[in-house]
Amino acid sequence: MKIDILTLFPEMFAPLKESIVGRAVKSGKVEIVVTDIREYTENKHKKCDDYPFGGGAGMVMMPQPIYSAMNAIDPNREARRIFMSPKGRKFDQSMVKELLKYDRLVFLCGHYEGVDQRAIDLCIDEEISLGDFVLTGGEIPAMAITDCICRYIDGVISGESLTEESISSGLLEYPQYTRPQEFMGLKVPDVLVSGNHKEVEKWRAEQAKALTEEKRPDLAIKYESRHEMKLKPSPFESIKTGDKRVEMRLYDEKRAAFKVGDEIEFTNEETGEKLGVVITKLKRFANFKALYGAYDKKLLGYKGGEEANPEDMTKYYSKRQQKKYGVVAIEIELK
């Protein structure tokens, strides 16, 4: 991946040459190019800002230097162009997957009181905000998002570290300890030195959930509305292409927790590929035969010529289970 950063203050990006991101750049896993917008101004004094029309405090970045710089580094408009702006969509971990789909990203860092709207209209594909607070410019947000993205580029960090880290799982991370076993009268929890890996994993899961409920109840609520399911390659691809829009499940006590608006993460059993969907509607039926009779078979993932046979579902759920619990049709759409 290549990441370009347009800024008036290129010196601010020196930290990207250090630590994990710096090693990723040196190894060729990612290319980061910082461009000084001032080099593209047509003003002989390298001026890139001016007073706002209509009056007001502060200065506004002029459109010409931005437009010229952007088209110099990306003349064929091949990159995803992003402006770091408080008006943009708020950045979170789920957006990392979106941005990783692009081979090249360009971040425009605003400064002063803002950027001339014409530069945004002409040059930008998307606006992203780091959060609801005020900074002096877009350099720190661009640096933070670049750091976050680089961590998920293949080979930069081990897969085990990424899967166990905070937030990615939907919960805050459990407490961590290292040597010495006792420090200033505080001891490492006994379970962590017990050697019982099953109990360690149980303790960590309990701690992560408890900490999230205490410190970030908003994340805890969101976590409870997430579901994970494995699918065979054929139905997985049907959902991915938008052909299959209804998933069928037994309406047992575990699945009764489904709600409209919940998110489901499907995993391809063979490849491990993941796919996120949102539940748009739920319908309950007495059995799969009734469910099949209520839907267009294409919505259930059956293509032309394929026979939709509700008896096939007895491979997974017995008629006794269907009679006891009933079944649920989960109508979904891609995130």
Protein backbone atom coordinates (compact mmCIF):
# COMPACT_ATOMS: atom_id res chain seq x y z
CA MET A 1 0.00 0.00 0.00
CA LYS A 2 1.06 3.56 -0.67
CA ILE A 3 -0.02 6.43 1.60
CA ASP A 4 0.47 10.05 0.54
CA ILE A 5 0.06 12.91 3.00
CA LEU A 6 -0.41 16.52 1.88
CA THR A 7 0.49 19.05 4.58
CA LEU A 8 1.91 22.50 5.25
CA PHE A 9 4.09 21.03 8.02
CA PRO A 10 5.89 17.91 6.76
CA GLU A 11 8.27 17.90 9.73
CA MET A 12 5.39 16.82 11.97
CA PHE A 13 5.45 13.34 10.41
CA ALA A 14 8.91 12.37 11.64
CA PRO A 15 7.40 9.84 14.15
CA LEU A 16 6.22 7.69 11.21
CA LYS A 17 9.88 6.86 10.59
CA GLU A 18 10.13 5.17 13.98
CA SER A 19 8.88 2.01 15.71
CA ILE A 20 6.58 -0.49 13.95
CA VAL A 21 5.49 1.85 11.15
CA GLY A 22 9.11 2.85 10.47
CA ARG A 23 10.13 -0.82 10.19
CA ALA A 24 7.20 -1.47 7.83
CA VAL A 25 8.37 1.35 5.59
CA LYS A 26 12.00 0.16 5.61
CA SER A 27 10.95 -3.39 4.75
CA GLY A 28 8.86 -2.18 1.81
CA LYS A 29 5.50 -3.34 3.16
CA VAL A 30 4.13 0.19 2.96
CA GLU A 31 5.25 3.39 1.25
CA ILE A 32 4.57 6.70 2.99
CA VAL A 33 5.22 9.92 1.09
CA VAL A 34 4.77 13.31 2.78
CA THR A 35 4.33 16.24 0.39
CA ASP A 36 4.71 19.92 1.30
CA ILE A 37 1.76 21.82 -0.15
CA ARG A 38 3.81 25.03 -0.16
CA GLU A 39 5.94 23.62 -2.98
CA TYR A 40 2.94 23.88 -5.29
CA THR A 41 1.74 27.40 -4.57
CA GLU A 42 1.95 29.95 -7.38
CA ASN A 43 2.56 32.72 -4.86
CA LYS A 44 6.19 33.88 -4.90
CA HIS A 45 6.20 34.17 -1.11
CA LYS A 46 5.00 30.55 -0.72
CA LYS A 47 1.72 31.85 0.70
CA CYS A 48 -0.98 29.17 1.00
CA ASP A 49 -3.66 30.92 3.09
CA ASP A 50 -5.72 34.10 3.00
CA TYR A 51 -8.52 35.92 4.83
CA PRO A 52 -12.01 34.37 4.52
CA PHE A 53 -14.63 36.00 2.29
CA GLY A 54 -17.46 37.33 4.46
CA GLY A 55 -15.13 38.11 7.33
CA GLY A 56 -14.32 36.14 10.43
CA ALA A 57 -11.34 35.19 12.54
CA GLY A 58 -8.32 33.31 11.26
CA MET A 59 -7.12 32.32 7.82
CA VAL A 60 -8.33 29.81 5.23
CA MET A 61 -6.15 27.54 3.08
CA MET A 62 -6.34 28.61 -0.58
CA PRO A 63 -7.61 26.15 -3.23
CA GLN A 64 -4.85 26.55 -5.83
CA PRO A 65 -1.91 25.04 -3.87
CA ILE A 66 -4.04 22.08 -2.76
CA TYR A 67 -5.45 21.48 -6.23
CA SER A 68 -2.01 21.65 -7.85
CA ALA A 69 -0.37 19.41 -5.25
CA MET A 70 -3.13 16.81 -5.41
CA ASN A 71 -3.04 16.57 -9.18
CA ALA A 72 0.75 16.46 -9.22
CA ILE A 73 0.93 13.39 -6.99
CA ASP A 74 -2.25 11.68 -8.26
CA PRO A 75 -2.80 12.92 -11.83
CA ASN A 76 -4.99 9.97 -12.87
CA ARG A 77 -7.08 10.02 -9.70
CA GLU A 78 -6.17 6.46 -8.77
CA ALA A 79 -6.02 7.01 -4.99
CA ARG A 80 -8.77 7.30 -2.41
CA ARG A 81 -8.55 10.97 -1.42
CA ILE A 82 -9.41 11.76 2.18
CA PHE A 83 -9.67 15.13 3.94
CA MET A 84 -9.19 15.12 7.71
CA SER A 85 -12.16 17.20 8.84
CA PRO A 86 -14.39 17.59 11.92
CA LYS A 87 -17.33 17.43 9.50
CA GLY A 88 -16.37 13.93 8.35
CA ARG A 89 -17.47 10.46 9.35
CA LYS A 90 -16.04 9.55 12.74
CA PHE A 91 -13.15 7.12 12.47
CA ASP A 92 -13.39 3.76 14.24
CA GLN A 93 -11.84 0.31 13.97
CA SER A 94 -14.38 -0.94 11.43
CA MET A 95 -13.22 1.72 8.96
CA VAL A 96 -9.73 0.20 8.87
CA LYS A 97 -11.07 -2.72 6.81
CA GLU A 98 -12.68 -0.30 4.38
CA LEU A 99 -9.48 1.67 3.85
CA LEU A 100 -7.34 -1.44 3.46
CA LYS A 101 -9.29 -2.27 0.30
CA TYR A 102 -7.53 0.57 -1.51
CA ASP A 103 -4.02 0.21 -2.93
CA ARG A 104 -3.36 3.89 -2.38
CA LEU A 105 -4.62 6.58 0.00
CA VAL A 106 -4.08 10.33 0.03
CA PHE A 107 -4.66 12.31 3.23
CA LEU A 108 -5.13 16.07 3.00
CA CYS A 109 -4.34 17.87 6.27
CA GLY A 110 -6.17 21.13 6.79
CA HIS A 111 -4.88 23.90 9.01
CA TYR A 112 -5.83 27.31 10.38
CA GLU A 113 -9.60 27.95 10.22
CA GLY A 114 -10.18 25.48 7.41
CA VAL A 115 -9.83 24.76 3.70
CA ASP A 116 -11.50 26.55 0.80
CA GLN A 117 -14.58 24.47 -0.04
CA ARG A 118 -13.69 24.43 -3.74
CA ALA A 119 -10.55 22.41 -2.99
CA ILE A 120 -12.70 19.85 -1.20
CA ASP A 121 -15.29 19.75 -3.98
CA LEU A 122 -12.66 19.29 -6.68
CA CYS A 123 -10.18 16.99 -4.98
CA ILE A 124 -11.71 14.96 -2.16
CA ASP A 125 -13.59 11.64 -2.12
CA GLU A 126 -14.33 11.41 1.60
CA GLU A 127 -14.02 13.39 4.83
CA ILE A 128 -13.01 11.64 8.07
CA SER A 129 -12.95 12.95 11.64
CA LEU A 130 -10.85 11.54 14.46
CA GLY A 131 -13.42 12.62 17.06
CA ASP A 132 -15.47 15.42 18.54
CA PHE A 133 -12.64 17.68 19.67
CA VAL A 134 -10.58 20.52 18.20
CA LEU A 135 -6.96 20.30 17.05
CA THR A 136 -4.70 22.83 15.35
CA GLY A 137 -4.73 20.88 12.11
CA GLY A 138 -5.24 17.56 10.36
CA GLU A 139 -1.68 16.32 10.80
CA ILE A 140 -2.19 14.41 14.06
CA PRO A 141 -5.42 12.71 12.86
CA ALA A 142 -3.72 11.72 9.57
CA MET A 143 -0.78 10.31 11.51
CA ALA A 144 -3.06 8.36 13.87
CA ILE A 145 -5.07 6.79 11.04
CA THR A 146 -1.91 5.99 9.06
CA ASP A 147 -0.48 4.22 12.12
CA CYS A 148 -3.71 2.27 12.60
CA ILE A 149 -3.87 1.17 8.95
CA CYS A 150 -0.22 0.15 8.77
CA ARG A 151 -0.64 -2.26 11.66
CA TYR A 152 -3.09 -4.31 9.57
CA ILE A 153 -0.99 -4.57 6.42
CA ASP A 154 0.15 -8.17 5.95
CA GLY A 155 3.40 -8.91 7.71
CA VAL A 156 3.64 -5.74 9.79
CA ILE A 157 2.33 -7.32 13.01
CA SER A 158 1.67 -10.98 13.82
CA GLY A 159 -1.91 -12.14 13.30
CA GLU A 160 -2.14 -13.39 16.90
CA SER A 161 -1.37 -9.93 18.28
CA LEU A 162 -4.05 -8.34 16.08
CA THR A 163 -6.80 -10.79 17.01
CA GLU A 164 -6.22 -10.45 20.76
CA GLU A 165 -5.85 -6.69 21.00
CA SER A 166 -8.29 -4.25 22.57
CA ILE A 167 -11.30 -2.96 20.60
CA SER A 168 -10.85 -5.35 17.63
CA SER A 169 -12.74 -8.02 19.56
CA GLY A 170 -15.45 -5.52 20.46
CA LEU A 171 -14.33 -5.39 24.11
CA LEU A 172 -11.61 -3.54 26.02
CA GLU A 173 -8.51 -5.58 26.72
CA TYR A 174 -8.12 -7.55 29.94
CA PRO A 175 -5.42 -6.44 32.46
CA GLN A 176 -1.86 -7.46 31.56
CA TYR A 177 0.96 -8.42 33.95
CA THR A 178 4.66 -9.31 33.69
CA ARG A 179 7.60 -9.85 36.06
CA PRO A 180 8.07 -9.40 38.96
CA GLN A 181 5.21 -11.47 40.37
CA GLU A 182 4.85 -9.03 43.26
CA PHE A 183 5.50 -5.27 43.07
CA MET A 184 4.95 -2.69 45.84
CA GLY A 185 2.74 -5.18 47.64
CA LEU A 186 0.56 -5.88 44.58
CA LYS A 187 0.54 -9.46 43.28
CA VAL A 188 -0.22 -10.93 39.88
CA PRO A 189 -3.61 -12.75 40.01
CA ASP A 190 -3.06 -16.41 40.93
CA VAL A 191 -4.89 -17.72 37.88
CA LEU A 192 -2.26 -16.22 35.54
CA VAL A 193 0.54 -18.23 37.13
CA SER A 194 -1.51 -21.39 37.63
CA GLY A 195 -0.55 -22.94 34.30
CA ASN A 196 -4.23 -23.73 33.61
CA HIS A 197 -4.69 -22.21 30.15
CA LYS A 198 -8.43 -22.84 30.10
CA GLU A 199 -8.92 -20.92 33.34
CA VAL A 200 -6.61 -18.14 32.12
CA GLU A 201 -8.73 -17.67 28.98
CA LYS A 202 -11.90 -17.70 31.07
CA TRP A 203 -10.48 -15.08 33.47
CA ARG A 204 -9.39 -12.85 30.60
CA ALA A 205 -12.79 -13.03 28.93
CA GLU A 206 -14.55 -12.18 32.20
CA GLN A 207 -12.19 -9.28 32.89
CA ALA A 208 -12.58 -7.87 29.37
CA LYS A 209 -16.34 -7.94 29.60
CA ALA A 210 -16.43 -6.46 33.13
CA LEU A 211 -14.00 -3.65 32.24
CA THR A 212 -15.95 -2.78 29.12
CA GLU A 213 -19.25 -2.65 31.02
CA GLU A 214 -17.65 -0.40 33.65
CA LYS A 215 -15.54 1.95 31.54
CA ARG A 216 -17.25 1.88 28.12
CA PRO A 217 -20.91 0.87 28.49
CA ASP A 218 -21.49 2.09 24.93
CA LEU A 219 -19.07 -0.56 23.63
CA ALA A 220 -20.62 -3.20 25.88
CA ILE A 221 -24.07 -2.56 24.39
CA LYS A 222 -22.65 -2.69 20.87
CA TYR A 223 -20.80 -5.94 21.65
CA GLU A 224 -23.97 -7.61 22.86
CA SER A 225 -25.63 -6.76 19.53
CA ARG A 226 -22.95 -8.59 17.49
CA HIS A 227 -23.25 -12.18 16.30
CA GLU A 228 -20.75 -14.48 14.65
CA MET A 229 -21.70 -17.36 12.34
CA LYS A 230 -19.83 -19.74 10.07
CA LEU A 231 -21.14 -20.51 6.58
CA LYS A 232 -20.19 -22.88 3.81
CA PRO A 233 -18.60 -21.21 0.74
CA SER A 234 -21.74 -21.29 -1.45
CA PRO A 235 -24.14 -19.39 0.87
CA PHE A 236 -21.27 -17.10 1.92
CA GLU A 237 -20.66 -16.06 -1.70
CA SER A 238 -24.42 -15.64 -2.26
CA ILE A 239 -24.58 -13.15 0.61
CA LYS A 240 -21.43 -11.42 -0.63
CA THR A 241 -22.91 -10.87 -4.09
CA GLY A 242 -26.24 -9.72 -2.66
CA ASP A 243 -28.21 -12.70 -4.03
CA LYS A 244 -28.96 -14.27 -0.65
CA ARG A 245 -30.71 -11.79 1.63
CA VAL A 246 -32.45 -14.09 4.10
CA GLU A 247 -30.61 -16.33 6.56
CA MET A 248 -32.49 -19.13 8.34
CA ARG A 249 -31.86 -20.21 11.91
CA LEU A 250 -33.53 -22.16 14.68
CA TYR A 251 -35.30 -19.77 17.04
CA ASP A 252 -33.85 -21.34 20.22
CA GLU A 253 -33.04 -19.45 23.40
CA LYS A 254 -29.61 -18.43 22.12
CA ARG A 255 -30.92 -17.02 18.84
CA ALA A 256 -33.84 -15.28 20.54
CA ALA A 257 -31.37 -12.50 21.32
CA PHE A 258 -31.46 -11.36 17.68
CA LYS A 259 -32.78 -7.82 17.21
CA VAL A 260 -33.30 -5.57 14.22
CA GLY A 261 -30.18 -3.44 13.84
CA ASP A 262 -27.84 -6.11 15.23
CA GLU A 263 -24.71 -6.93 13.26
CA ILE A 264 -23.72 -10.40 12.08
CA GLU A 265 -20.19 -11.36 11.03
CA PHE A 266 -20.25 -14.37 8.71
CA THR A 267 -17.06 -16.39 8.24
CA ASN A 268 -16.34 -18.57 5.21
CA GLU A 269 -15.57 -22.00 6.72
CA GLU A 270 -12.94 -22.81 4.08
CA THR A 271 -11.15 -19.51 3.47
CA GLY A 272 -11.71 -17.66 6.73
CA GLU A 273 -12.96 -14.59 4.83
CA LYS A 274 -15.34 -12.46 6.87
CA LEU A 275 -18.43 -10.53 5.84
CA GLY A 276 -20.45 -8.04 7.88
CA VAL A 277 -24.23 -7.61 7.59
CA VAL A 278 -26.97 -5.79 9.47
CA ILE A 279 -30.31 -7.33 10.44
CA THR A 280 -33.14 -5.35 8.81
CA LYS A 281 -36.11 -7.58 9.68
CA LEU A 282 -37.00 -10.70 11.66
CA LYS A 283 -39.88 -13.11 11.00
CA ARG A 284 -40.78 -16.20 12.99
CA PHE A 285 -42.27 -19.39 11.52
CA ALA A 286 -43.44 -22.73 12.90
CA ASN A 287 -40.95 -24.69 10.77
CA PHE A 288 -38.73 -24.43 7.72
CA LYS A 289 -41.49 -25.61 5.41
CA ALA A 290 -43.57 -22.56 6.35
CA LEU A 291 -40.56 -20.29 5.98
CA TYR A 292 -39.71 -21.61 2.51
CA GLY A 293 -43.30 -21.07 1.41
CA ALA A 294 -43.21 -17.40 2.43
CA TYR A 295 -40.10 -16.29 0.51
CA ASP A 296 -38.91 -15.99 -3.05
CA LYS A 297 -36.35 -18.78 -3.28
CA LYS A 298 -33.77 -16.41 -4.79
CA LEU A 299 -33.78 -14.42 -1.55
CA LEU A 300 -32.88 -17.64 0.26
CA GLY A 301 -29.81 -18.07 -1.97
CA TYR A 302 -31.16 -20.58 -4.49
CA LYS A 303 -30.20 -19.94 -8.09
CA GLY A 304 -32.18 -20.82 -11.20
CA GLY A 305 -32.75 -24.56 -11.51
CA GLU A 306 -31.82 -25.34 -7.90
CA GLU A 307 -34.54 -26.96 -5.82
CA ALA A 308 -35.42 -25.34 -2.51
CA ASN A 309 -36.16 -28.27 -0.24
CA PRO A 310 -37.04 -27.51 3.40
CA GLU A 311 -36.26 -31.12 4.30
CA ASP A 312 -32.59 -30.30 3.73
CA MET A 313 -32.64 -28.29 6.95
CA THR A 314 -33.24 -31.45 8.99
CA LYS A 315 -29.52 -32.08 8.49
CA TYR A 316 -28.96 -29.25 10.92
CA TYR A 317 -32.18 -29.01 12.94
CA SER A 318 -34.48 -31.94 13.69
CA LYS A 319 -38.25 -31.75 13.20
CA ARG A 320 -38.56 -32.07 16.98
CA GLN A 321 -36.39 -28.98 17.46
CA GLN A 322 -38.37 -27.08 14.83
CA LYS A 323 -41.61 -27.96 16.56
CA LYS A 324 -40.27 -27.01 19.97
CA TYR A 325 -38.67 -23.67 19.05
CA GLY A 326 -39.90 -22.61 15.64
CA VAL A 327 -37.52 -20.98 13.16
CA VAL A 328 -36.54 -17.41 12.37
CA ALA A 329 -35.93 -15.73 9.03
CA ILE A 330 -33.22 -13.10 9.39
CA GLU A 331 -33.43 -10.50 6.64
CA ILE A 332 -30.05 -8.87 6.12
CA GLU A 333 -28.16 -6.28 4.09
CA LEU A 334 -24.42 -5.78 3.66
CA LYS A 335 -22.77 -3.19 5.90
